[in-house]
Amino acid sequence: FAALPQPEFVALAAVQVVPHPVVTATAGNNRATPQAITLPVCVAGELAANRAEQAWKFTATKGQKLNLRVATEALGSPMDAVLRIFDAGGKRLQEYDDAKKDDFEIDTDFAVPADGEYTATVSERFWHGGPDYVYTLTIEPSSADFALTVPQNVLVLKAGDKLEIPVTIDRRRGMSAPIQIAVAELPEGVTVEPVTSEPKGDSSKSVKLVLQSTRETAWLGALQVVGKTDSEPTLERQAVVAPIARQTVPPQVLLKVLAKTP
């Protein structure tokens, strides 16, 4: 018997790619001494101790609509974040917790009521902390967007068979453009037909990709399910694995293609 060579994976790591400057929290960042930032921005912080809170001060203009997103679970953090916004006088204007049960990310809009300075604070809902309580906070002008998820992080395709991949589309902040969904960089002998998520109807929320294999040999590698809009500004997003509440799930999707049997 001969053993088939297998790719070697040492580890998988979640890497968040953002289109804005990234600022990391400095020592002494807290509500009393907020760290100044310029929008748009993505800040990276860590609540290293119990009852920790970090604060970020920015200037905004009346009438602006800002989108604020706190990522924790997607980074493998156990943190259940709470986001608060204060005006220059220290009055709390808004408080945001996770949007729904079993979803520990924050994605919300803030309508700026007046010209001036504002402070956004990030804390843990139960005031827990530790070296793994990390987060990112992105603040940018609010605009239409979307996200894609698939239900499993390991998919298996048999030679000569078909594999259906359900893709869930989360249209955010009024996204009304068609989204072309396809798979990038498939191995030789594996094919898929792109599909379109229309703004209305069943495909607006979910579609299915169908993979087929005519490969003779086995293959294992990353599967990149990508969605793209044709309208300006063009947006491109890669699907990740749908999070499971309070469990660390690798966001990378892997495809295992089985060898053709005699």
C-alpha atoms as a PDB file:
ATOM      1  CA  PHE A   1       0.000   0.000   0.000  1.00  0.00           C
ATOM      2  CA  ALA A   2       1.233   3.487  -0.796  1.00  0.00           C
ATOM      3  CA  ALA A   3       0.398   6.493   1.354  1.00  0.00           C
ATOM      4  CA  LEU A   4      -0.830   9.540  -0.530  1.00  0.00           C
ATOM      5  CA  PRO A   5       1.160  12.693   0.225  1.00  0.00           C
ATOM      6  CA  GLN A   6      -0.907  15.102   2.302  1.00  0.00           C
ATOM      7  CA  PRO A   7      -0.465  18.878   2.616  1.00  0.00           C
ATOM      8  CA  GLU A   8       0.884  19.914   5.982  1.00  0.00           C
ATOM      9  CA  PHE A   9      -1.096  22.465   7.994  1.00  0.00           C
ATOM     10  CA  VAL A  10       0.647  23.767  11.098  1.00  0.00           C
ATOM     11  CA  ALA A  11      -2.143  26.096  12.221  1.00  0.00           C
ATOM     12  CA  LEU A  12      -4.930  28.366  11.034  1.00  0.00           C
ATOM     13  CA  ALA A  13      -5.070  31.971  12.171  1.00  0.00           C
ATOM     14  CA  ALA A  14      -7.808  34.583  11.772  1.00  0.00           C
ATOM     15  CA  VAL A  15      -6.479  37.663   9.979  1.00  0.00           C
ATOM     16  CA  GLN A  16      -8.791  40.642   9.642  1.00  0.00           C
ATOM     17  CA  VAL A  17      -8.153  42.770   6.544  1.00  0.00           C
ATOM     18  CA  VAL A  18      -9.423  46.351   6.699  1.00  0.00           C
ATOM     19  CA  PRO A  19      -9.234  49.281   4.241  1.00  0.00           C
ATOM     20  CA  HIS A  20      -8.358  51.865   6.909  1.00  0.00           C
ATOM     21  CA  PRO A  21      -5.353  52.776   9.059  1.00  0.00           C
ATOM     22  CA  VAL A  22      -5.008  50.487  12.085  1.00  0.00           C
ATOM     23  CA  VAL A  23      -4.311  51.939  15.540  1.00  0.00           C
ATOM     24  CA  THR A  24      -3.386  49.801  18.546  1.00  0.00           C
ATOM     25  CA  ALA A  25      -4.260  50.678  22.124  1.00  0.00           C
ATOM     26  CA  THR A  26      -1.481  52.326  24.119  1.00  0.00           C
ATOM     27  CA  ALA A  27      -0.736  51.964  27.822  1.00  0.00           C
ATOM     28  CA  GLY A  28      -3.061  54.091  29.921  1.00  0.00           C
ATOM     29  CA  ASN A  29      -5.946  53.972  27.446  1.00  0.00           C
ATOM     30  CA  ASN A  30      -9.102  54.213  29.570  1.00  0.00           C
ATOM     31  CA  ARG A  31     -12.246  56.288  30.023  1.00  0.00           C
ATOM     32  CA  ALA A  32     -10.383  59.019  31.937  1.00  0.00           C
ATOM     33  CA  THR A  33      -7.642  59.320  29.281  1.00  0.00           C
ATOM     34  CA  PRO A  34      -9.145  58.311  25.922  1.00  0.00           C
ATOM     35  CA  GLN A  35      -6.813  57.729  22.987  1.00  0.00           C
ATOM     36  CA  ALA A  36      -7.294  60.147  20.071  1.00  0.00           C
ATOM     37  CA  ILE A  37      -8.073  58.686  16.636  1.00  0.00           C
ATOM     38  CA  THR A  38      -8.923  60.083  13.197  1.00  0.00           C
ATOM     39  CA  LEU A  39     -11.769  58.590  11.173  1.00  0.00           C
ATOM     40  CA  PRO A  40     -12.076  56.315   9.275  1.00  0.00           C
ATOM     41  CA  VAL A  41     -10.085  53.896  11.392  1.00  0.00           C
ATOM     42  CA  CYS A  42      -9.805  50.369  12.764  1.00  0.00           C
ATOM     43  CA  VAL A  43      -8.514  50.123  16.320  1.00  0.00           C
ATOM     44  CA  ALA A  44      -7.162  46.977  17.962  1.00  0.00           C
ATOM     45  CA  GLY A  45      -7.433  46.543  21.696  1.00  0.00           C
ATOM     46  CA  GLU A  46      -7.128  44.056  24.515  1.00  0.00           C
ATOM     47  CA  LEU A  47      -8.993  43.975  27.831  1.00  0.00           C
ATOM     48  CA  ALA A  48      -6.169  42.290  29.706  1.00  0.00           C
ATOM     49  CA  ALA A  49      -7.688  42.524  33.199  1.00  0.00           C
ATOM     50  CA  ASN A  50     -11.102  42.213  34.812  1.00  0.00           C
ATOM     51  CA  ARG A  51     -13.157  45.432  34.774  1.00  0.00           C
ATOM     52  CA  ALA A  52     -10.955  46.895  32.021  1.00  0.00           C
ATOM     53  CA  GLU A  53     -12.390  49.464  29.608  1.00  0.00           C
ATOM     54  CA  GLN A  54     -10.735  51.206  26.668  1.00  0.00           C
ATOM     55  CA  ALA A  55     -11.750  54.556  25.195  1.00  0.00           C
ATOM     56  CA  TRP A  56     -11.286  56.194  21.798  1.00  0.00           C
ATOM     57  CA  LYS A  57     -11.837  59.932  21.167  1.00  0.00           C
ATOM     58  CA  PHE A  58     -12.754  61.259  17.734  1.00  0.00           C
ATOM     59  CA  THR A  59     -14.180  64.365  16.054  1.00  0.00           C
ATOM     60  CA  ALA A  60     -17.383  64.178  14.018  1.00  0.00           C
ATOM     61  CA  THR A  61     -19.737  66.541  12.214  1.00  0.00           C
ATOM     62  CA  LYS A  62     -23.460  67.009  12.705  1.00  0.00           C
ATOM     63  CA  GLY A  63     -25.461  64.940  10.253  1.00  0.00           C
ATOM     64  CA  GLN A  64     -22.756  62.315   9.711  1.00  0.00           C
ATOM     65  CA  LYS A  65     -23.917  58.719   9.883  1.00  0.00           C
ATOM     66  CA  LEU A  66     -21.160  56.511  11.200  1.00  0.00           C
ATOM     67  CA  ASN A  67     -20.980  52.736  11.203  1.00  0.00           C
ATOM     68  CA  LEU A  68     -19.314  51.161  14.237  1.00  0.00           C
ATOM     69  CA  ARG A  69     -18.366  47.480  14.290  1.00  0.00           C
ATOM     70  CA  VAL A  70     -16.782  45.526  17.122  1.00  0.00           C
ATOM     71  CA  ALA A  71     -15.302  42.150  16.171  1.00  0.00           C
ATOM     72  CA  THR A  72     -14.479  39.619  18.890  1.00  0.00           C
ATOM     73  CA  GLU A  73     -15.802  36.154  18.092  1.00  0.00           C
ATOM     74  CA  ALA A  74     -14.393  36.276  14.566  1.00  0.00           C
ATOM     75  CA  LEU A  75     -10.950  36.726  16.147  1.00  0.00           C
ATOM     76  CA  GLY A  76     -11.368  33.770  18.505  1.00  0.00           C
ATOM     77  CA  SER A  77     -11.977  36.060  21.477  1.00  0.00           C
ATOM     78  CA  PRO A  78     -14.423  34.996  24.234  1.00  0.00           C
ATOM     79  CA  MET A  79     -15.310  38.646  24.820  1.00  0.00           C
ATOM     80  CA  ASP A  80     -18.972  39.739  24.835  1.00  0.00           C
ATOM     81  CA  ALA A  81     -18.422  43.383  23.960  1.00  0.00           C
ATOM     82  CA  VAL A  82     -20.395  46.444  24.993  1.00  0.00           C
ATOM     83  CA  LEU A  83     -19.935  49.682  23.050  1.00  0.00           C
ATOM     84  CA  ARG A  84     -20.882  53.069  24.494  1.00  0.00           C
ATOM     85  CA  ILE A  85     -20.726  56.529  22.929  1.00  0.00           C
ATOM     86  CA  PHE A  86     -20.347  59.708  24.998  1.00  0.00           C
ATOM     87  CA  ASP A  87     -20.372  63.380  24.023  1.00  0.00           C
ATOM     88  CA  ALA A  88     -17.665  65.883  25.032  1.00  0.00           C
ATOM     89  CA  GLY A  89     -19.464  66.577  28.312  1.00  0.00           C
ATOM     90  CA  GLY A  90     -19.474  62.912  29.317  1.00  0.00           C
ATOM     91  CA  LYS A  91     -23.173  62.324  28.609  1.00  0.00           C
ATOM     92  CA  ARG A  92     -23.868  58.802  27.391  1.00  0.00           C
ATOM     93  CA  LEU A  93     -25.644  59.003  24.035  1.00  0.00           C
ATOM     94  CA  GLN A  94     -25.840  55.360  22.989  1.00  0.00           C
ATOM     95  CA  GLU A  95     -25.099  51.887  24.309  1.00  0.00           C
ATOM     96  CA  TYR A  96     -24.837  48.843  22.106  1.00  0.00           C
ATOM     97  CA  ASP A  97     -24.683  45.176  23.042  1.00  0.00           C
ATOM     98  CA  ASP A  98     -24.745  42.220  20.628  1.00  0.00           C
ATOM     99  CA  ALA A  99     -27.588  42.514  18.146  1.00  0.00           C
ATOM    100  CA  LYS A 100     -29.210  39.152  18.819  1.00  0.00           C
ATOM    101  CA  LYS A 101     -28.931  36.010  20.892  1.00  0.00           C
ATOM    102  CA  ASP A 102     -25.790  33.964  20.246  1.00  0.00           C
ATOM    103  CA  ASP A 103     -24.274  36.790  18.163  1.00  0.00           C
ATOM    104  CA  PHE A 104     -21.473  38.494  20.067  1.00  0.00           C
ATOM    105  CA  GLU A 105     -20.417  40.951  17.359  1.00  0.00           C
ATOM    106  CA  ILE A 106     -21.624  44.576  17.220  1.00  0.00           C
ATOM    107  CA  ASP A 107     -22.589  46.276  13.947  1.00  0.00           C
ATOM    108  CA  THR A 108     -24.526  49.509  14.390  1.00  0.00           C
ATOM    109  CA  ASP A 109     -24.976  53.042  13.059  1.00  0.00           C
ATOM    110  CA  PHE A 110     -24.647  56.302  14.986  1.00  0.00           C
ATOM    111  CA  ALA A 111     -26.207  59.556  13.761  1.00  0.00           C
ATOM    112  CA  VAL A 112     -23.950  62.400  14.919  1.00  0.00           C
ATOM    113  CA  PRO A 113     -26.182  64.988  16.669  1.00  0.00           C
ATOM    114  CA  ALA A 114     -23.768  67.962  16.679  1.00  0.00           C
ATOM    115  CA  ASP A 115     -20.274  69.056  15.689  1.00  0.00           C
ATOM    116  CA  GLY A 116     -17.698  68.142  18.309  1.00  0.00           C
ATOM    117  CA  GLU A 117     -15.696  65.453  20.060  1.00  0.00           C
ATOM    118  CA  TYR A 118     -17.081  62.044  20.959  1.00  0.00           C
ATOM    119  CA  THR A 119     -15.704  59.084  22.882  1.00  0.00           C
ATOM    120  CA  ALA A 120     -16.391  55.425  22.107  1.00  0.00           C
ATOM    121  CA  THR A 121     -15.668  52.973  24.917  1.00  0.00           C
ATOM    122  CA  VAL A 122     -15.336  49.196  24.665  1.00  0.00           C
ATOM    123  CA  SER A 123     -15.807  46.917  27.676  1.00  0.00           C
ATOM    124  CA  GLU A 124     -16.854  43.355  28.428  1.00  0.00           C
ATOM    125  CA  ARG A 125     -20.485  42.748  29.309  1.00  0.00           C
ATOM    126  CA  PHE A 126     -19.632  40.867  32.496  1.00  0.00           C
ATOM    127  CA  TRP A 127     -16.417  42.857  33.110  1.00  0.00           C
ATOM    128  CA  HIS A 128     -14.242  39.817  32.411  1.00  0.00           C
ATOM    129  CA  GLY A 129     -10.743  40.221  31.017  1.00  0.00           C
ATOM    130  CA  GLY A 130      -7.549  38.414  30.093  1.00  0.00           C
ATOM    131  CA  PRO A 131      -4.876  38.140  27.384  1.00  0.00           C
ATOM    132  CA  ASP A 132      -7.340  36.496  24.973  1.00  0.00           C
ATOM    133  CA  TYR A 133      -9.992  39.230  25.384  1.00  0.00           C
ATOM    134  CA  VAL A 134      -9.059  41.002  22.167  1.00  0.00           C
ATOM    135  CA  TYR A 135     -11.223  43.032  19.808  1.00  0.00           C
ATOM    136  CA  THR A 136     -11.203  45.405  16.878  1.00  0.00           C
ATOM    137  CA  LEU A 137     -13.402  48.489  16.569  1.00  0.00           C
ATOM    138  CA  THR A 138     -13.969  49.904  13.090  1.00  0.00           C
ATOM    139  CA  ILE A 139     -15.492  53.382  12.707  1.00  0.00           C
ATOM    140  CA  GLU A 140     -16.272  54.618   9.201  1.00  0.00           C
ATOM    141  CA  PRO A 141     -19.019  56.398   7.230  1.00  0.00           C
ATOM    142  CA  SER A 142     -22.092  54.190   7.021  1.00  0.00           C
ATOM    143  CA  SER A 143     -22.631  52.595   3.598  1.00  0.00           C
ATOM    144  CA  ALA A 144     -24.266  49.530   2.057  1.00  0.00           C
ATOM    145  CA  ASP A 145     -22.358  46.284   2.561  1.00  0.00           C
ATOM    146  CA  PHE A 146     -22.805  42.524   2.724  1.00  0.00           C
ATOM    147  CA  ALA A 147     -21.293  39.430   4.326  1.00  0.00           C
ATOM    148  CA  LEU A 148     -21.243  35.767   3.270  1.00  0.00           C
ATOM    149  CA  THR A 149     -21.202  32.673   5.465  1.00  0.00           C
ATOM    150  CA  VAL A 150     -21.130  28.929   4.875  1.00  0.00           C
ATOM    151  CA  PRO A 151     -22.231  26.377   7.494  1.00  0.00           C
ATOM    152  CA  GLN A 152     -19.126  24.135   7.652  1.00  0.00           C
ATOM    153  CA  ASN A 153     -15.382  24.665   7.757  1.00  0.00           C
ATOM    154  CA  VAL A 154     -14.504  21.312   6.093  1.00  0.00           C
ATOM    155  CA  LEU A 155     -16.248  20.220   2.883  1.00  0.00           C
ATOM    156  CA  VAL A 156     -15.749  16.846   1.176  1.00  0.00           C
ATOM    157  CA  LEU A 157     -16.212  16.304  -2.569  1.00  0.00           C
ATOM    158  CA  LYS A 158     -16.205  12.769  -3.993  1.00  0.00           C
ATOM    159  CA  ALA A 159     -14.758  12.055  -7.428  1.00  0.00           C
ATOM    160  CA  GLY A 160     -17.474  12.059 -10.096  1.00  0.00           C
ATOM    161  CA  ASP A 161     -19.970  13.494  -7.632  1.00  0.00           C
ATOM    162  CA  LYS A 162     -21.533  16.875  -6.891  1.00  0.00           C
ATOM    163  CA  LEU A 163     -21.292  18.953  -3.722  1.00  0.00           C
ATOM    164  CA  GLU A 164     -23.859  21.629  -2.857  1.00  0.00           C
ATOM    165  CA  ILE A 165     -22.563  24.522  -0.770  1.00  0.00           C
ATOM    166  CA  PRO A 166     -25.274  26.706   0.781  1.00  0.00           C
ATOM    167  CA  VAL A 167     -24.164  30.337   1.064  1.00  0.00           C
ATOM    168  CA  THR A 168     -26.014  32.767   3.332  1.00  0.00           C
ATOM    169  CA  ILE A 169     -26.034  36.439   2.301  1.00  0.00           C
ATOM    170  CA  ASP A 170     -26.353  39.116   4.972  1.00  0.00           C
ATOM    171  CA  ARG A 171     -27.299  42.349   3.187  1.00  0.00           C
ATOM    172  CA  ARG A 172     -26.433  45.276   5.414  1.00  0.00           C
ATOM    173  CA  ARG A 173     -27.409  48.930   5.511  1.00  0.00           C
ATOM    174  CA  GLY A 174     -29.614  48.880   2.430  1.00  0.00           C
ATOM    175  CA  MET A 175     -27.481  46.777   0.102  1.00  0.00           C
ATOM    176  CA  SER A 176     -29.652  46.568  -3.026  1.00  0.00           C
ATOM    177  CA  ALA A 177     -27.184  45.517  -5.739  1.00  0.00           C
ATOM    178  CA  PRO A 178     -26.951  42.042  -7.313  1.00  0.00           C
ATOM    179  CA  ILE A 179     -24.066  40.014  -5.877  1.00  0.00           C
ATOM    180  CA  GLN A 180     -22.111  37.577  -8.058  1.00  0.00           C
ATOM    181  CA  ILE A 181     -20.964  34.597  -5.975  1.00  0.00           C
ATOM    182  CA  ALA A 182     -18.259  32.219  -7.195  1.00  0.00           C
ATOM    183  CA  VAL A 183     -15.273  30.158  -6.058  1.00  0.00           C
ATOM    184  CA  ALA A 184     -11.741  31.389  -6.713  1.00  0.00           C
ATOM    185  CA  GLU A 185      -8.706  29.235  -7.559  1.00  0.00           C
ATOM    186  CA  LEU A 186     -10.241  25.775  -7.717  1.00  0.00           C
ATOM    187  CA  PRO A 187      -7.863  22.867  -8.348  1.00  0.00           C
ATOM    188  CA  GLU A 188      -7.700  21.272 -11.786  1.00  0.00           C
ATOM    189  CA  GLY A 189     -10.643  18.946 -12.405  1.00  0.00           C
ATOM    190  CA  VAL A 190     -13.034  20.758 -10.035  1.00  0.00           C
ATOM    191  CA  THR A 191     -15.610  23.130 -11.517  1.00  0.00           C
ATOM    192  CA  VAL A 192     -18.436  25.347 -10.319  1.00  0.00           C
ATOM    193  CA  GLU A 193     -20.975  27.631 -11.981  1.00  0.00           C
ATOM    194  CA  PRO A 194     -21.190  31.135 -10.450  1.00  0.00           C
ATOM    195  CA  VAL A 195     -24.586  32.204  -9.114  1.00  0.00           C
ATOM    196  CA  THR A 196     -26.222  35.578  -8.554  1.00  0.00           C
ATOM    197  CA  SER A 197     -27.924  36.830  -5.416  1.00  0.00           C
ATOM    198  CA  GLU A 198     -30.625  39.228  -6.561  1.00  0.00           C
ATOM    199  CA  PRO A 199     -31.738  42.159  -4.354  1.00  0.00           C
ATOM    200  CA  LYS A 200     -35.203  40.638  -3.944  1.00  0.00           C
ATOM    201  CA  GLY A 201     -36.617  37.130  -3.716  1.00  0.00           C
ATOM    202  CA  ASP A 202     -35.218  33.941  -2.215  1.00  0.00           C
ATOM    203  CA  SER A 203     -31.724  34.451  -3.641  1.00  0.00           C
ATOM    204  CA  SER A 204     -31.374  37.754  -1.788  1.00  0.00           C
ATOM    205  CA  LYS A 205     -30.710  35.798   1.422  1.00  0.00           C
ATOM    206  CA  SER A 206     -29.224  32.497   0.280  1.00  0.00           C
ATOM    207  CA  VAL A 207     -27.912  30.668  -2.782  1.00  0.00           C
ATOM    208  CA  LYS A 208     -26.292  27.308  -3.528  1.00  0.00           C
ATOM    209  CA  LEU A 209     -23.026  26.682  -5.311  1.00  0.00           C
ATOM    210  CA  VAL A 210     -22.626  23.251  -6.942  1.00  0.00           C
ATOM    211  CA  LEU A 211     -19.103  21.812  -7.234  1.00  0.00           C
ATOM    212  CA  GLN A 212     -18.234  18.870  -9.489  1.00  0.00           C
ATOM    213  CA  SER A 213     -15.050  16.815  -9.584  1.00  0.00           C
ATOM    214  CA  THR A 214     -13.419  14.796 -12.369  1.00  0.00           C
ATOM    215  CA  ARG A 215     -10.054  14.607 -10.578  1.00  0.00           C
ATOM    216  CA  GLU A 216      -8.121  11.336 -10.464  1.00  0.00           C
ATOM    217  CA  THR A 217      -6.084  12.270  -7.381  1.00  0.00           C
ATOM    218  CA  ALA A 218      -6.911  13.600  -3.934  1.00  0.00           C
ATOM    219  CA  TRP A 219      -6.571  17.284  -3.023  1.00  0.00           C
ATOM    220  CA  LEU A 220      -6.849  19.335   0.149  1.00  0.00           C
ATOM    221  CA  GLY A 221      -6.737  23.102   0.343  1.00  0.00           C
ATOM    222  CA  ALA A 222      -8.467  26.373   1.103  1.00  0.00           C
ATOM    223  CA  LEU A 223     -11.803  27.093  -0.565  1.00  0.00           C
ATOM    224  CA  GLN A 224     -12.426  30.747  -1.347  1.00  0.00           C
ATOM    225  CA  VAL A 225     -16.112  31.553  -1.815  1.00  0.00           C
ATOM    226  CA  VAL A 226     -16.197  35.158  -2.995  1.00  0.00           C
ATOM    227  CA  GLY A 227     -19.035  37.622  -3.551  1.00  0.00           C
ATOM    228  CA  LYS A 228     -18.687  40.739  -5.701  1.00  0.00           C
ATOM    229  CA  THR A 229     -20.949  43.607  -6.757  1.00  0.00           C
ATOM    230  CA  ASP A 230     -20.717  45.177 -10.209  1.00  0.00           C
ATOM    231  CA  SER A 231     -22.125  48.557  -9.207  1.00  0.00           C
ATOM    232  CA  GLU A 232     -19.925  51.386  -7.945  1.00  0.00           C
ATOM    233  CA  PRO A 233     -18.335  51.286  -5.513  1.00  0.00           C
ATOM    234  CA  THR A 234     -17.429  47.660  -6.226  1.00  0.00           C
ATOM    235  CA  LEU A 235     -17.418  45.508  -3.108  1.00  0.00           C
ATOM    236  CA  GLU A 236     -15.772  42.104  -2.758  1.00  0.00           C
ATOM    237  CA  ARG A 237     -16.222  39.889   0.298  1.00  0.00           C
ATOM    238  CA  GLN A 238     -15.013  36.364   1.090  1.00  0.00           C
ATOM    239  CA  ALA A 239     -17.270  33.882   2.866  1.00  0.00           C
ATOM    240  CA  VAL A 240     -16.348  32.672   6.332  1.00  0.00           C
ATOM    241  CA  VAL A 241     -17.723  29.870   8.452  1.00  0.00           C
ATOM    242  CA  ALA A 242     -20.888  30.829  10.323  1.00  0.00           C
ATOM    243  CA  PRO A 243     -19.964  31.267  14.000  1.00  0.00           C
ATOM    244  CA  ILE A 244     -21.271  28.859  16.616  1.00  0.00           C
ATOM    245  CA  ALA A 245     -22.156  30.539  19.893  1.00  0.00           C
ATOM    246  CA  ARG A 246     -19.251  30.570  22.331  1.00  0.00           C
ATOM    247  CA  GLN A 247     -17.198  28.167  20.233  1.00  0.00           C
ATOM    248  CA  THR A 248     -14.036  29.002  18.353  1.00  0.00           C
ATOM    249  CA  VAL A 249     -14.579  27.960  14.747  1.00  0.00           C
ATOM    250  CA  PRO A 250     -11.777  28.479  12.192  1.00  0.00           C
ATOM    251  CA  PRO A 251     -13.072  31.076   9.716  1.00  0.00           C
ATOM    252  CA  GLN A 252     -11.174  29.419   6.845  1.00  0.00           C
ATOM    253  CA  VAL A 253     -13.115  26.965   4.662  1.00  0.00           C
ATOM    254  CA  LEU A 254     -11.247  23.816   3.589  1.00  0.00           C
ATOM    255  CA  LEU A 255     -12.135  21.585   0.636  1.00  0.00           C
ATOM    256  CA  LYS A 256     -11.142  17.915   0.582  1.00  0.00           C
ATOM    257  CA  VAL A 257     -11.429  16.244  -2.812  1.00  0.00           C
ATOM    258  CA  LEU A 258     -11.339  12.445  -2.660  1.00  0.00           C
ATOM    259  CA  ALA A 259      -9.339  10.433  -5.197  1.00  0.00           C
ATOM    260  CA  LYS A 260     -11.130   8.423  -7.838  1.00  0.00           C
ATOM    261  CA  THR A 261     -11.468   4.815  -6.760  1.00  0.00           C
ATOM    262  CA  PRO A 262     -10.741   1.939  -9.177  1.00  0.00           C
END
